[in-house]
PDB file of N, CA and C in Angstrom:
ATOM      1  N   MET A   1      -7.085  -9.653  -8.883  1.00  0.00           N
ATOM      2  CA  MET A   1      -7.073  -9.511  -8.507  1.00  0.00           C
ATOM      3  C   MET A   1      -7.236  -8.131  -7.796  1.00  0.00           C
ATOM      4  N   VAL A   2      -6.179  -8.383  -6.399  1.00  0.00           N
ATOM      5  CA  VAL A   2      -6.758  -7.198  -5.236  1.00  0.00           C
ATOM      6  C   VAL A   2      -5.785  -5.921  -5.240  1.00  0.00           C
ATOM      7  N   SER A   3      -5.938  -4.839  -5.085  1.00  0.00           N
ATOM      8  CA  SER A   3      -5.105  -3.979  -5.481  1.00  0.00           C
ATOM      9  C   SER A   3      -4.988  -3.495  -3.845  1.00  0.00           C
ATOM     10  N   ALA A   4      -3.859  -2.994  -3.128  1.00  0.00           N
ATOM     11  CA  ALA A   4      -4.115  -1.593  -2.241  1.00  0.00           C
ATOM     12  C   ALA A   4      -3.195  -0.298  -2.375  1.00  0.00           C
ATOM     13  N   VAL A   5      -2.821   0.247  -0.784  1.00  0.00           N
ATOM     14  CA  VAL A   5      -1.767   1.387  -0.898  1.00  0.00           C
ATOM     15  C   VAL A   5      -1.497   1.608  -0.078  1.00  0.00           C
ATOM     16  N   VAL A   6      -0.295   1.304   0.393  1.00  0.00           N
ATOM     17  CA  VAL A   6       0.332   1.088   1.974  1.00  0.00           C
ATOM     18  C   VAL A   6       0.991   2.130   2.374  1.00  0.00           C
ATOM     19  N   LEU A   7       0.393   3.467   2.898  1.00  0.00           N
ATOM     20  CA  LEU A   7       0.971   4.872   3.413  1.00  0.00           C
ATOM     21  C   LEU A   7       2.004   4.428   4.406  1.00  0.00           C
ATOM     22  N   ILE A   8       3.036   4.957   4.290  1.00  0.00           N
ATOM     23  CA  ILE A   8       4.102   4.201   5.294  1.00  0.00           C
ATOM     24  C   ILE A   8       5.326   5.564   5.505  1.00  0.00           C
ATOM     25  N   GLU A   9       5.179   5.149   6.984  1.00  0.00           N
ATOM     26  CA  GLU A   9       5.757   6.676   7.582  1.00  0.00           C
ATOM     27  C   GLU A   9       7.178   5.893   8.326  1.00  0.00           C
ATOM     28  N   ALA A  10       8.118   6.676   8.509  1.00  0.00           N
ATOM     29  CA  ALA A  10       9.119   6.004   8.745  1.00  0.00           C
ATOM     30  C   ALA A  10      11.288   7.325   9.116  1.00  0.00           C
ATOM     31  N   GLU A  11      11.667   6.093  10.233  1.00  0.00           N
ATOM     32  CA  GLU A  11      12.418   6.657   9.824  1.00  0.00           C
ATOM     33  C   GLU A  11      13.353   7.549   8.749  1.00  0.00           C
ATOM     34  N   ALA A  12      13.896   9.093   9.277  1.00  0.00           N
ATOM     35  CA  ALA A  12      14.286   9.213   8.438  1.00  0.00           C
ATOM     36  C   ALA A  12      15.576   8.422   7.301  1.00  0.00           C
ATOM     37  N   ASP A  13      15.874   8.425   8.465  1.00  0.00           N
ATOM     38  CA  ASP A  13      17.318   8.037   7.943  1.00  0.00           C
ATOM     39  C   ASP A  13      17.158   6.617   7.310  1.00  0.00           C
ATOM     40  N   LYS A  14      15.971   5.823   7.921  1.00  0.00           N
ATOM     41  CA  LYS A  14      16.057   4.847   6.880  1.00  0.00           C
ATOM     42  C   LYS A  14      14.842   4.124   5.543  1.00  0.00           C
ATOM     43  N   ILE A  15      14.849   5.646   4.976  1.00  0.00           N
ATOM     44  CA  ILE A  15      13.533   5.251   4.056  1.00  0.00           C
ATOM     45  C   ILE A  15      14.111   4.741   2.499  1.00  0.00           C
ATOM     46  N   GLN A  16      15.784   5.101   2.177  1.00  0.00           N
ATOM     47  CA  GLN A  16      16.252   4.281   1.027  1.00  0.00           C
ATOM     48  C   GLN A  16      15.725   3.212   1.492  1.00  0.00           C
ATOM     49  N   ASP A  17      16.638   2.375   2.328  1.00  0.00           N
ATOM     50  CA  ASP A  17      16.648   1.188   2.234  1.00  0.00           C
ATOM     51  C   ASP A  17      15.232   0.456   2.652  1.00  0.00           C
ATOM     52  N   LEU A  18      14.900   1.406   3.332  1.00  0.00           N
ATOM     53  CA  LEU A  18      13.347   0.486   3.446  1.00  0.00           C
ATOM     54  C   LEU A  18      12.775   0.524   1.654  1.00  0.00           C
ATOM     55  N   ALA A  19      12.671   1.472   0.883  1.00  0.00           N
ATOM     56  CA  ALA A  19      12.242   1.183  -0.069  1.00  0.00           C
ATOM     57  C   ALA A  19      12.381   0.429  -1.295  1.00  0.00           C
ATOM     58  N   GLN A  20      13.722  -0.019  -0.850  1.00  0.00           N
ATOM     59  CA  GLN A  20      14.733  -1.621  -1.832  1.00  0.00           C
ATOM     60  C   GLN A  20      14.385  -1.868  -1.002  1.00  0.00           C
ATOM     61  N   GLN A  21      14.106  -3.118  -0.186  1.00  0.00           N
ATOM     62  CA  GLN A  21      13.677  -3.464   0.806  1.00  0.00           C
ATOM     63  C   GLN A  21      12.022  -3.843   0.728  1.00  0.00           C
ATOM     64  N   LEU A  22      11.129  -2.895   0.528  1.00  0.00           N
ATOM     65  CA  LEU A  22      10.349  -3.196   0.272  1.00  0.00           C
ATOM     66  C   LEU A  22       9.441  -3.973  -1.595  1.00  0.00           C
ATOM     67  N   VAL A  23      10.453  -3.467  -2.364  1.00  0.00           N
ATOM     68  CA  VAL A  23      10.004  -3.116  -3.597  1.00  0.00           C
ATOM     69  C   VAL A  23      10.696  -5.113  -3.681  1.00  0.00           C
ATOM     70  N   GLU A  24      11.371  -5.631  -2.571  1.00  0.00           N
ATOM     71  CA  GLU A  24      11.095  -6.942  -2.742  1.00  0.00           C
ATOM     72  C   GLU A  24      10.892  -8.306  -2.382  1.00  0.00           C
ATOM     73  N   ILE A  25       9.737  -7.700  -1.900  1.00  0.00           N
ATOM     74  CA  ILE A  25       7.933  -8.454  -0.881  1.00  0.00           C
ATOM     75  C   ILE A  25       7.554  -8.989  -2.545  1.00  0.00           C
ATOM     76  N   GLU A  26       7.107  -9.751  -2.890  1.00  0.00           N
ATOM     77  CA  GLU A  26       6.658 -10.398  -3.671  1.00  0.00           C
ATOM     78  C   GLU A  26       4.841 -10.177  -3.728  1.00  0.00           C
ATOM     79  N   GLY A  27       4.652  -9.503  -4.765  1.00  0.00           N
ATOM     80  CA  GLY A  27       3.454  -8.666  -4.562  1.00  0.00           C
ATOM     81  C   GLY A  27       3.543  -6.785  -4.203  1.00  0.00           C
ATOM     82  N   VAL A  28       4.984  -6.520  -4.106  1.00  0.00           N
ATOM     83  CA  VAL A  28       4.309  -4.955  -3.867  1.00  0.00           C
ATOM     84  C   VAL A  28       6.110  -4.626  -5.466  1.00  0.00           C
ATOM     85  N   PRO A  29       4.869  -4.587  -6.226  1.00  0.00           N
ATOM     86  CA  PRO A  29       5.210  -3.882  -7.345  1.00  0.00           C
ATOM     87  C   PRO A  29       5.894  -2.367  -7.618  1.00  0.00           C
ATOM     88  N   GLU A  30       5.682  -1.899  -7.144  1.00  0.00           N
ATOM     89  CA  GLU A  30       6.500  -0.541  -6.751  1.00  0.00           C
ATOM     90  C   GLU A  30       6.510  -0.188  -5.103  1.00  0.00           C
ATOM     91  N   VAL A  31       7.705   1.148  -5.265  1.00  0.00           N
ATOM     92  CA  VAL A  31       7.032   2.151  -4.032  1.00  0.00           C
ATOM     93  C   VAL A  31       8.127   3.492  -4.227  1.00  0.00           C
ATOM     94  N   PHE A  32       6.820   4.127  -4.326  1.00  0.00           N
ATOM     95  CA  PHE A  32       7.575   5.891  -4.540  1.00  0.00           C
ATOM     96  C   PHE A  32       7.413   6.426  -2.787  1.00  0.00           C
ATOM     97  N   SER A  33       8.935   7.205  -3.074  1.00  0.00           N
ATOM     98  CA  SER A  33       8.920   8.015  -2.410  1.00  0.00           C
ATOM     99  C   SER A  33       8.446   9.434  -2.062  1.00  0.00           C
ATOM    100  N   VAL A  34       7.920  10.029  -1.158  1.00  0.00           N
ATOM    101  CA  VAL A  34       6.757  10.959  -1.306  1.00  0.00           C
ATOM    102  C   VAL A  34       7.241  12.046  -0.019  1.00  0.00           C
ATOM    103  N   ALA A  35       6.715  13.702  -0.462  1.00  0.00           N
ATOM    104  CA  ALA A  35       6.617  14.594   0.346  1.00  0.00           C
ATOM    105  C   ALA A  35       5.077  14.940   0.683  1.00  0.00           C
ATOM    106  N   GLY A  36       5.238  15.412   2.190  1.00  0.00           N
ATOM    107  CA  GLY A  36       3.779  15.314   2.650  1.00  0.00           C
ATOM    108  C   GLY A  36       4.236  14.992   4.815  1.00  0.00           C
ATOM    109  N   ARG A  37       2.926  13.908   4.501  1.00  0.00           N
ATOM    110  CA  ARG A  37       2.850  13.122   5.955  1.00  0.00           C
ATOM    111  C   ARG A  37       3.493  11.706   5.767  1.00  0.00           C
ATOM    112  N   TYR A  38       3.315  11.044   4.991  1.00  0.00           N
ATOM    113  CA  TYR A  38       3.977   9.883   4.833  1.00  0.00           C
ATOM    114  C   TYR A  38       5.351  10.170   3.819  1.00  0.00           C
ATOM    115  N   ASP A  39       6.001   8.731   3.931  1.00  0.00           N
ATOM    116  CA  ASP A  39       7.335   8.852   3.446  1.00  0.00           C
ATOM    117  C   ASP A  39       7.729   7.836   2.519  1.00  0.00           C
ATOM    118  N   LEU A  40       6.791   7.105   2.293  1.00  0.00           N
ATOM    119  CA  LEU A  40       6.621   6.167   1.091  1.00  0.00           C
ATOM    120  C   LEU A  40       5.191   5.994   1.514  1.00  0.00           C
ATOM    121  N   VAL A  41       4.964   5.087   0.214  1.00  0.00           N
ATOM    122  CA  VAL A  41       3.610   4.413  -0.684  1.00  0.00           C
ATOM    123  C   VAL A  41       3.857   3.131  -1.264  1.00  0.00           C
ATOM    124  N   ALA A  42       3.581   2.351  -0.321  1.00  0.00           N
ATOM    125  CA  ALA A  42       4.088   1.092  -1.347  1.00  0.00           C
ATOM    126  C   ALA A  42       2.459   0.601  -2.045  1.00  0.00           C
ATOM    127  N   ILE A  43       2.475   0.388  -3.369  1.00  0.00           N
ATOM    128  CA  ILE A  43       1.175  -0.256  -3.519  1.00  0.00           C
ATOM    129  C   ILE A  43       1.219  -2.230  -3.446  1.00  0.00           C
ATOM    130  N   LEU A  44       0.577  -3.137  -3.941  1.00  0.00           N
ATOM    131  CA  LEU A  44       0.354  -3.978  -3.207  1.00  0.00           C
ATOM    132  C   LEU A  44      -0.610  -4.876  -4.609  1.00  0.00           C
ATOM    133  N   ARG A  45       0.302  -5.251  -5.635  1.00  0.00           N
ATOM    134  CA  ARG A  45      -1.323  -5.868  -5.838  1.00  0.00           C
ATOM    135  C   ARG A  45      -0.802  -8.120  -5.739  1.00  0.00           C
ATOM    136  N   VAL A  46      -1.481  -8.426  -5.559  1.00  0.00           N
ATOM    137  CA  VAL A  46      -2.270  -9.627  -5.142  1.00  0.00           C
ATOM    138  C   VAL A  46      -3.673 -10.580  -5.500  1.00  0.00           C
ATOM    139  N   ARG A  47      -3.587 -11.180  -5.200  1.00  0.00           N
ATOM    140  CA  ARG A  47      -4.675 -12.061  -5.457  1.00  0.00           C
ATOM    141  C   ARG A  47      -5.926 -12.228  -4.721  1.00  0.00           C
ATOM    142  N   GLU A  48      -5.384 -12.134  -3.375  1.00  0.00           N
ATOM    143  CA  GLU A  48      -7.039 -11.877  -2.406  1.00  0.00           C
ATOM    144  C   GLU A  48      -5.942 -11.005  -1.077  1.00  0.00           C
ATOM    145  N   ASN A  49      -7.557 -10.720  -0.631  1.00  0.00           N
ATOM    146  CA  ASN A  49      -7.460  -9.865   0.197  1.00  0.00           C
ATOM    147  C   ASN A  49      -6.843 -10.768   1.799  1.00  0.00           C
ATOM    148  N   GLN A  50      -6.675 -11.552   1.890  1.00  0.00           N
ATOM    149  CA  GLN A  50      -6.066 -12.353   2.974  1.00  0.00           C
ATOM    150  C   GLN A  50      -4.291 -12.136   2.335  1.00  0.00           C
ATOM    151  N   ASP A  51      -4.054 -12.267   1.687  1.00  0.00           N
ATOM    152  CA  ASP A  51      -2.758 -11.455   0.898  1.00  0.00           C
ATOM    153  C   ASP A  51      -2.142 -10.390   0.834  1.00  0.00           C
ATOM    154  N   VAL A  52      -3.015  -8.556   0.628  1.00  0.00           N
ATOM    155  CA  VAL A  52      -2.910  -8.291   2.105  1.00  0.00           C
ATOM    156  C   VAL A  52      -2.051  -7.733   2.730  1.00  0.00           C
ATOM    157  N   ALA A  53      -2.554  -8.745   4.014  1.00  0.00           N
ATOM    158  CA  ALA A  53      -2.866  -8.716   5.876  1.00  0.00           C
ATOM    159  C   ALA A  53      -2.030  -9.325   6.113  1.00  0.00           C
ATOM    160  N   ASP A  54      -1.345 -10.364   4.954  1.00  0.00           N
ATOM    161  CA  ASP A  54      -0.320 -11.306   5.374  1.00  0.00           C
ATOM    162  C   ASP A  54       1.363 -10.373   5.296  1.00  0.00           C
ATOM    163  N   ILE A  55       1.338  -9.336   3.971  1.00  0.00           N
ATOM    164  CA  ILE A  55       2.116  -8.382   3.197  1.00  0.00           C
ATOM    165  C   ILE A  55       1.983  -7.770   4.440  1.00  0.00           C
ATOM    166  N   VAL A  56       1.108  -6.739   4.866  1.00  0.00           N
ATOM    167  CA  VAL A  56       1.750  -5.605   5.340  1.00  0.00           C
ATOM    168  C   VAL A  56       1.714  -6.477   6.654  1.00  0.00           C
ATOM    169  N   SER A  57       0.881  -6.893   7.683  1.00  0.00           N
ATOM    170  CA  SER A  57       0.941  -7.263   8.892  1.00  0.00           C
ATOM    171  C   SER A  57       2.420  -8.339   8.860  1.00  0.00           C
ATOM    172  N   GLY A  58       2.454  -9.462   8.077  1.00  0.00           N
ATOM    173  CA  GLY A  58       3.233  -9.886   8.402  1.00  0.00           C
ATOM    174  C   GLY A  58       4.889  -9.711   7.753  1.00  0.00           C
ATOM    175  N   LYS A  59       5.622  -8.483   7.163  1.00  0.00           N
ATOM    176  CA  LYS A  59       6.367  -7.778   5.878  1.00  0.00           C
ATOM    177  C   LYS A  59       6.561  -6.615   6.408  1.00  0.00           C
ATOM    178  N   ILE A  60       5.592  -6.188   6.238  1.00  0.00           N
ATOM    179  CA  ILE A  60       5.853  -4.780   6.249  1.00  0.00           C
ATOM    180  C   ILE A  60       6.722  -4.273   7.431  1.00  0.00           C
ATOM    181  N   ARG A  61       4.967  -4.496   8.047  1.00  0.00           N
ATOM    182  CA  ARG A  61       5.544  -3.654   9.682  1.00  0.00           C
ATOM    183  C   ARG A  61       6.349  -3.740  10.484  1.00  0.00           C
ATOM    184  N   HIS A  62       7.380  -5.365  10.216  1.00  0.00           N
ATOM    185  CA  HIS A  62       8.223  -5.596  10.984  1.00  0.00           C
ATOM    186  C   HIS A  62       9.887  -5.743  10.183  1.00  0.00           C
ATOM    187  N   LEU A  63       9.789  -4.910   9.376  1.00  0.00           N
ATOM    188  CA  LEU A  63      10.779  -4.470   8.461  1.00  0.00           C
ATOM    189  C   LEU A  63      11.542  -3.032   9.737  1.00  0.00           C
ATOM    190  N   ASP A  64      12.747  -2.659   9.961  1.00  0.00           N
ATOM    191  CA  ASP A  64      12.956  -2.552  10.693  1.00  0.00           C
ATOM    192  C   ASP A  64      13.398  -0.443  10.315  1.00  0.00           C
ATOM    193  N   GLY A  65      12.794   0.194  11.052  1.00  0.00           N
ATOM    194  CA  GLY A  65      12.714   1.966  10.272  1.00  0.00           C
ATOM    195  C   GLY A  65      10.920   2.150  10.318  1.00  0.00           C
ATOM    196  N   ILE A  66       9.921   1.766  10.400  1.00  0.00           N
ATOM    197  CA  ILE A  66       8.618   1.219   9.600  1.00  0.00           C
ATOM    198  C   ILE A  66       8.281   1.899  11.590  1.00  0.00           C
ATOM    199  N   ALA A  67       7.924   2.961  11.525  1.00  0.00           N
ATOM    200  CA  ALA A  67       6.923   3.825  12.190  1.00  0.00           C
ATOM    201  C   ALA A  67       5.667   3.599  12.483  1.00  0.00           C
ATOM    202  N   ARG A  68       4.860   3.379  11.222  1.00  0.00           N
ATOM    203  CA  ARG A  68       3.397   3.241  11.217  1.00  0.00           C
ATOM    204  C   ARG A  68       2.831   3.384  10.012  1.00  0.00           C
ATOM    205  N   THR A  69       1.975   2.379   9.488  1.00  0.00           N
ATOM    206  CA  THR A  69       1.467   2.295   8.077  1.00  0.00           C
ATOM    207  C   THR A  69      -0.609   2.006   8.248  1.00  0.00           C
ATOM    208  N   GLU A  70      -0.691   2.652   6.583  1.00  0.00           N
ATOM    209  CA  GLU A  70      -2.326   2.916   7.002  1.00  0.00           C
ATOM    210  C   GLU A  70      -2.349   2.490   5.776  1.00  0.00           C
ATOM    211  N   THR A  71      -3.189   1.337   5.758  1.00  0.00           N
ATOM    212  CA  THR A  71      -3.843   0.300   4.371  1.00  0.00           C
ATOM    213  C   THR A  71      -4.971   1.285   3.631  1.00  0.00           C
ATOM    214  N   LEU A  72      -5.127   1.525   2.166  1.00  0.00           N
ATOM    215  CA  LEU A  72      -6.392   1.507   1.142  1.00  0.00           C
ATOM    216  C   LEU A  72      -6.314   0.124   0.755  1.00  0.00           C
ATOM    217  N   ILE A  73      -7.595  -0.296   0.455  1.00  0.00           N
ATOM    218  CA  ILE A  73      -8.015  -2.107  -0.586  1.00  0.00           C
ATOM    219  C   ILE A  73      -8.700  -0.956  -1.444  1.00  0.00           C
ATOM    220  N   ALA A  74      -8.121  -0.799  -2.112  1.00  0.00           N
ATOM    221  CA  ALA A  74      -9.308  -1.177  -3.814  1.00  0.00           C
ATOM    222  C   ALA A  74      -9.827  -1.117  -3.751  1.00  0.00           C
ATOM    223  N   PHE A  75     -11.511  -0.922  -4.322  1.00  0.00           N
ATOM    224  CA  PHE A  75     -13.190  -1.030  -4.649  1.00  0.00           C
ATOM    225  C   PHE A  75     -12.881  -1.563  -5.955  1.00  0.00           C
ATOM    226  N   ARG A  76     -12.187  -0.621  -6.655  1.00  0.00           N
ATOM    227  CA  ARG A  76     -11.863  -0.623  -8.206  1.00  0.00           C
ATOM    228  C   ARG A  76     -11.041   0.126  -8.682  1.00  0.00           C
ATOM    229  N   VAL A  77     -10.538  -0.262  -9.614  1.00  0.00           N
ATOM    230  CA  VAL A  77      -8.650   0.772 -10.580  1.00  0.00           C
ATOM    231  C   VAL A  77      -9.592   1.157 -11.498  1.00  0.00           C
ATOM    232  N   TYR A  78      -8.869   2.259 -11.470  1.00  0.00           N
ATOM    233  CA  TYR A  78      -9.677   2.845 -13.664  1.00  0.00           C
ATOM    234  C   TYR A  78      -8.119   2.879 -13.496  1.00  0.00           C
ATOM    235  N   SER A  79      -8.164   2.980 -14.836  1.00  0.00           N
ATOM    236  CA  SER A  79      -7.411   3.194 -15.987  1.00  0.00           C
ATOM    237  C   SER A  79      -7.560   3.987 -16.937  1.00  0.00           C
ATOM    238  N   ARG A  80      -6.032   4.374 -17.480  1.00  0.00           N
ATOM    239  CA  ARG A  80      -6.406   5.317 -18.334  1.00  0.00           C
ATOM    240  C   ARG A  80      -7.639   4.961 -19.806  1.00  0.00           C
ATOM    241  N   ASP A  81      -6.898   3.605 -19.603  1.00  0.00           N
ATOM    242  CA  ASP A  81      -8.091   2.343 -21.245  1.00  0.00           C
ATOM    243  C   ASP A  81      -9.113   2.363 -20.279  1.00  0.00           C
ATOM    244  N   GLU A  82      -9.500   1.902 -19.713  1.00  0.00           N
ATOM    245  CA  GLU A  82     -10.750   1.627 -18.831  1.00  0.00           C
ATOM    246  C   GLU A  82     -11.820   3.151 -19.225  1.00  0.00           C
ATOM    247  N   ILE A  83     -11.054   4.129 -18.567  1.00  0.00           N
ATOM    248  CA  ILE A  83     -11.902   5.130 -18.513  1.00  0.00           C
ATOM    249  C   ILE A  83     -11.706   6.120 -19.996  1.00  0.00           C
ATOM    250  N   GLU A  84     -11.614   4.983 -20.862  1.00  0.00           N
ATOM    251  CA  GLU A  84     -11.726   5.920 -22.666  1.00  0.00           C
ATOM    252  C   GLU A  84     -12.390   4.929 -23.177  1.00  0.00           C
ATOM    253  N   GLY A  85     -13.294   3.792 -22.858  1.00  0.00           N
ATOM    254  CA  GLY A  85     -13.532   3.029 -22.973  1.00  0.00           C
ATOM    255  C   GLY A  85     -14.904   2.845 -22.945  1.00  0.00           C
ATOM    256  N   MET A  86     -14.801   3.689 -21.613  1.00  0.00           N
ATOM    257  CA  MET A  86     -16.647   3.883 -21.530  1.00  0.00           C
ATOM    258  C   MET A  86     -17.128   5.204 -22.371  1.00  0.00           C
ATOM    259  N   PHE A  87     -16.316   6.198 -22.760  1.00  0.00           N
ATOM    260  CA  PHE A  87     -17.245   6.925 -22.978  1.00  0.00           C
ATOM    261  C   PHE A  87     -16.491   6.991 -24.999  1.00  0.00           C
ATOM    262  N   ALA A  88     -16.130   5.847 -25.333  1.00  0.00           N
ATOM    263  CA  ALA A  88     -15.994   5.268 -26.408  1.00  0.00           C
ATOM    264  C   ALA A  88     -17.843   5.582 -27.187  1.00  0.00           C
ATOM    265  N   PRO A  89     -17.331   5.690 -29.230  1.00  0.00           N
ATOM    266  CA  PRO A  89     -18.609   5.666 -29.526  1.00  0.00           C
ATOM    267  C   PRO A  89     -19.161   3.870 -29.846  1.00  0.00           C
TER     268      PRO A  89
END
């Protein structure tokens, strides 16, 4: 499983509509509206790196209101259970 974070700068009046469109894309289970440099953060969970490229380049970047994206592909995903397991006796 490949996880990625897509940081999105969007037109202000389209943020809510974009968030709704993004969560309808297969492979995008969560979208966050955030404060700061970016307007939205989309979490991607897919089978292969190529799927990240297909979603970002083929779907997300073509949505009306997207100004710019930056994609971060995770090398490793840590969860609370995994971290607690590292230190268990």
